[in-house]
Amino acid sequence: MSEKELSQNVMNLKLGDHNALEIIYDNYSPALYGLCLKIVKDEAIAQDILQEAFVKIWSKVDSYDKNKGSFFTWMLNITRNLAIDNYRKITRHQTIPIQNSEKSVYILKDDKMDIPIHHIGLKDLVNGLPDEQVEMIEYLYFKGYTQQETSDELNIPLGTVKTRSRTALASLREIFKLFILWM
């Protein structure tokens, strides 16, 4: 599609022309679908995201400003953001098995590092913290959540998550200092 044709179709789309949406879909959906599939790695979910993206493109077309970038880039950003949001929803509740000492990647040939984490008492040290700090360490470090995901999951403000995690790490740092002095 030429730049002139695209401009005309975007103008028609802004006027509510369904045919313009069809033309844009026919020309750009393969590239946008490929992006979705690359992010979520599931064909059915990628198709759903693509459909959701075109609904959003249709409903938000008035917010497109050609001075800020190309129409394709604008559509790409909408699609990418939807795909990333969906990917986070999918992976948020998946659990990844924790490696045991037999499958650990840090075992050296001379066995100097063959010490599973539960043998050094890390979990016990963390459990010695106040409950709200333990919860932050669990989500952020043991479960691998981001601060924003932790905020969303626990339904508490992001600033609270940041403060509690910073306080928890400072407390652990002090505990480790004492632990090392006793050794």
Protein backbone atom coordinates (compact mmCIF):
# COMPACT_ATOMS: atom_id res chain seq x y z
CA MET A 1 0.00 0.00 0.00
CA SER A 2 1.42 3.38 -0.95
CA GLU A 3 1.79 6.21 1.53
CA LYS A 4 -0.97 8.15 -0.25
CA GLU A 5 -3.37 5.17 -0.10
CA LEU A 6 -2.58 4.64 3.56
CA SER A 7 -3.22 8.32 4.34
CA GLN A 8 -6.57 8.13 2.55
CA ASN A 9 -7.53 4.95 4.41
CA VAL A 10 -6.57 6.48 7.76
CA MET A 11 -8.74 9.52 7.00
CA ASN A 12 -11.61 7.23 5.97
CA LEU A 13 -11.08 5.16 9.12
CA LYS A 14 -11.37 8.32 11.21
CA LEU A 15 -14.68 8.97 9.47
CA GLY A 16 -15.93 5.52 10.51
CA ASP A 17 -15.48 3.72 7.16
CA HIS A 18 -15.53 -0.06 7.73
CA ASN A 19 -14.00 -0.68 4.30
CA ALA A 20 -10.92 1.34 5.31
CA LEU A 21 -10.51 -0.90 8.37
CA GLU A 22 -10.75 -3.99 6.14
CA ILE A 23 -8.07 -2.65 3.79
CA ILE A 24 -5.78 -1.77 6.69
CA TYR A 25 -6.43 -5.17 8.27
CA ASP A 26 -5.64 -7.01 5.03
CA ASN A 27 -2.38 -5.11 4.60
CA TYR A 28 -1.07 -5.08 8.16
CA SER A 29 -2.59 -7.99 10.08
CA PRO A 30 0.10 -10.53 9.07
CA ALA A 31 2.88 -8.37 10.51
CA LEU A 32 0.91 -7.56 13.67
CA TYR A 33 -0.08 -11.21 14.13
CA GLY A 34 3.58 -12.22 13.79
CA LEU A 35 4.47 -9.79 16.57
CA CYS A 36 1.71 -11.19 18.82
CA LEU A 37 2.78 -14.76 18.16
CA LYS A 38 6.41 -13.96 18.88
CA ILE A 39 5.47 -12.52 22.28
CA VAL A 40 2.81 -14.96 23.54
CA LYS A 41 3.91 -18.08 21.60
CA ASP A 42 0.34 -19.37 21.30
CA GLU A 43 -1.62 -19.10 18.04
CA ALA A 44 -5.09 -18.87 19.60
CA ILE A 45 -4.04 -16.20 22.09
CA ALA A 46 -2.18 -14.30 19.33
CA GLN A 47 -5.35 -14.30 17.20
CA ASP A 48 -7.39 -12.99 20.12
CA ILE A 49 -4.83 -10.23 20.76
CA LEU A 50 -4.85 -9.27 17.08
CA GLN A 51 -8.63 -8.98 17.14
CA GLU A 52 -8.49 -6.92 20.33
CA ALA A 53 -5.81 -4.72 18.75
CA PHE A 54 -7.96 -3.94 15.72
CA VAL A 55 -10.95 -3.15 17.92
CA LYS A 56 -8.72 -0.74 19.81
CA ILE A 57 -7.34 0.71 16.56
CA TRP A 58 -10.91 1.26 15.36
CA SER A 59 -12.04 2.89 18.59
CA LYS A 60 -8.90 4.98 19.22
CA VAL A 61 -8.09 6.05 15.65
CA ASP A 62 -8.84 9.67 16.52
CA SER A 63 -5.87 9.65 18.92
CA TYR A 64 -3.46 8.88 16.07
CA ASP A 65 -1.26 11.88 15.25
CA LYS A 66 0.80 11.60 12.06
CA ASN A 67 3.25 14.17 13.45
CA LYS A 68 4.29 11.72 16.17
CA GLY A 69 5.02 8.78 13.88
CA SER A 70 3.72 6.50 11.18
CA PHE A 71 0.34 4.83 11.36
CA PHE A 72 1.98 1.41 11.24
CA THR A 73 4.18 2.26 14.24
CA TRP A 74 1.11 3.47 16.12
CA MET A 75 -0.72 0.19 15.37
CA LEU A 76 2.42 -1.78 16.25
CA ASN A 77 2.64 -0.10 19.66
CA ILE A 78 -1.02 -0.82 20.43
CA THR A 79 -0.59 -4.46 19.43
CA ARG A 80 2.73 -4.91 21.25
CA ASN A 81 1.34 -3.43 24.48
CA LEU A 82 -1.70 -5.72 24.35
CA ALA A 83 0.52 -8.75 23.66
CA ILE A 84 2.85 -7.90 26.55
CA ASP A 85 -0.10 -7.38 28.91
CA ASN A 86 -1.54 -10.75 27.89
CA TYR A 87 1.84 -12.45 28.24
CA ARG A 88 2.18 -11.12 31.78
CA LYS A 89 -1.29 -12.38 32.66
CA ILE A 90 -0.43 -15.82 31.28
CA THR A 91 2.92 -16.12 33.04
CA ARG A 92 1.93 -14.48 36.32
CA HIS A 93 0.18 -17.59 37.60
CA GLN A 94 2.48 -20.21 36.11
CA THR A 95 4.86 -21.80 38.53
CA ILE A 96 8.38 -22.76 37.62
CA PRO A 97 9.82 -25.70 39.52
CA ILE A 98 12.73 -24.75 41.74
CA GLN A 99 15.96 -26.57 41.01
CA ASN A 100 17.02 -29.09 43.56
CA SER A 101 20.68 -29.66 44.47
CA GLU A 102 21.02 -32.55 42.02
CA LYS A 103 20.11 -30.32 39.07
CA SER A 104 21.74 -27.16 40.33
CA VAL A 105 23.69 -25.13 37.80
CA TYR A 106 26.19 -23.83 40.32
CA ILE A 107 27.77 -27.15 41.30
CA LEU A 108 31.49 -27.00 40.59
CA LYS A 109 33.69 -30.00 39.88
CA ASP A 110 35.43 -29.71 43.24
CA ASP A 111 32.05 -29.53 45.05
CA LYS A 112 32.98 -26.35 46.96
CA MET A 113 29.69 -24.72 46.00
CA ASP A 114 27.45 -27.77 46.38
CA ILE A 115 25.42 -26.19 49.19
CA PRO A 116 21.66 -25.97 48.63
CA ILE A 117 20.16 -22.70 49.79
CA HIS A 118 18.09 -24.32 52.54
CA HIS A 119 21.32 -25.61 54.17
CA ILE A 120 22.59 -22.10 54.82
CA GLY A 121 19.31 -21.17 56.46
CA LEU A 122 18.32 -18.37 54.10
CA LYS A 123 14.63 -19.19 54.40
CA ASP A 124 14.94 -19.15 58.20
CA LEU A 125 16.67 -15.75 58.08
CA VAL A 126 13.95 -14.33 55.84
CA ASN A 127 11.21 -15.80 58.03
CA GLY A 128 12.71 -13.90 60.96
CA LEU A 129 11.63 -10.62 59.36
CA PRO A 130 8.22 -8.98 59.98
CA ASP A 131 5.41 -10.60 57.97
CA GLU A 132 5.01 -7.70 55.52
CA GLN A 133 8.75 -7.84 54.70
CA VAL A 134 8.70 -11.64 54.30
CA GLU A 135 5.82 -11.22 51.86
CA MET A 136 7.86 -8.73 49.78
CA ILE A 137 10.92 -11.02 49.66
CA GLU A 138 8.71 -13.98 48.72
CA TYR A 139 7.07 -12.17 45.80
CA LEU A 140 10.05 -10.17 44.53
CA TYR A 141 12.88 -12.67 44.92
CA PHE A 142 11.52 -16.18 45.40
CA LYS A 143 8.57 -15.87 42.98
CA GLY A 144 10.27 -13.40 40.63
CA TYR A 145 7.50 -10.79 40.48
CA THR A 146 8.29 -7.21 39.52
CA GLN A 147 7.42 -4.47 42.00
CA GLN A 148 4.43 -3.46 39.85
CA GLU A 149 3.20 -7.07 39.61
CA THR A 150 3.56 -7.44 43.38
CA SER A 151 1.59 -4.24 43.87
CA ASP A 152 -1.16 -5.50 41.58
CA GLU A 153 -1.22 -9.00 43.09
CA LEU A 154 -1.39 -7.80 46.71
CA ASN A 155 -3.59 -4.82 45.88
CA ILE A 156 -1.32 -2.35 47.66
CA PRO A 157 0.25 0.88 46.34
CA LEU A 158 3.51 0.59 44.38
CA GLY A 159 5.21 2.99 46.79
CA THR A 160 4.35 0.68 49.69
CA VAL A 161 5.90 -2.28 47.84
CA LYS A 162 9.07 -0.25 47.21
CA THR A 163 9.33 0.90 50.82
CA ARG A 164 8.70 -2.56 52.28
CA SER A 165 11.16 -4.24 49.92
CA ARG A 166 13.85 -1.64 50.62
CA THR A 167 13.28 -2.06 54.37
CA ALA A 168 13.36 -5.86 54.04
CA LEU A 169 16.64 -5.78 52.13
CA ALA A 170 18.19 -3.41 54.68
CA SER A 171 17.09 -5.76 57.49
CA LEU A 172 18.53 -8.79 55.67
CA ARG A 173 21.78 -6.91 55.07
CA GLU A 174 22.12 -6.32 58.82
CA ILE A 175 21.28 -9.96 59.58
CA PHE A 176 23.90 -11.14 57.08
CA LYS A 177 26.52 -8.86 58.61
CA LEU A 178 25.89 -10.45 62.01
CA PHE A 179 25.80 -13.91 60.46
CA ILE A 180 29.18 -13.41 58.80
CA LEU A 181 30.73 -12.06 62.03
CA TRP A 182 29.65 -15.21 63.89
CA MET A 183 31.29 -17.49 61.33
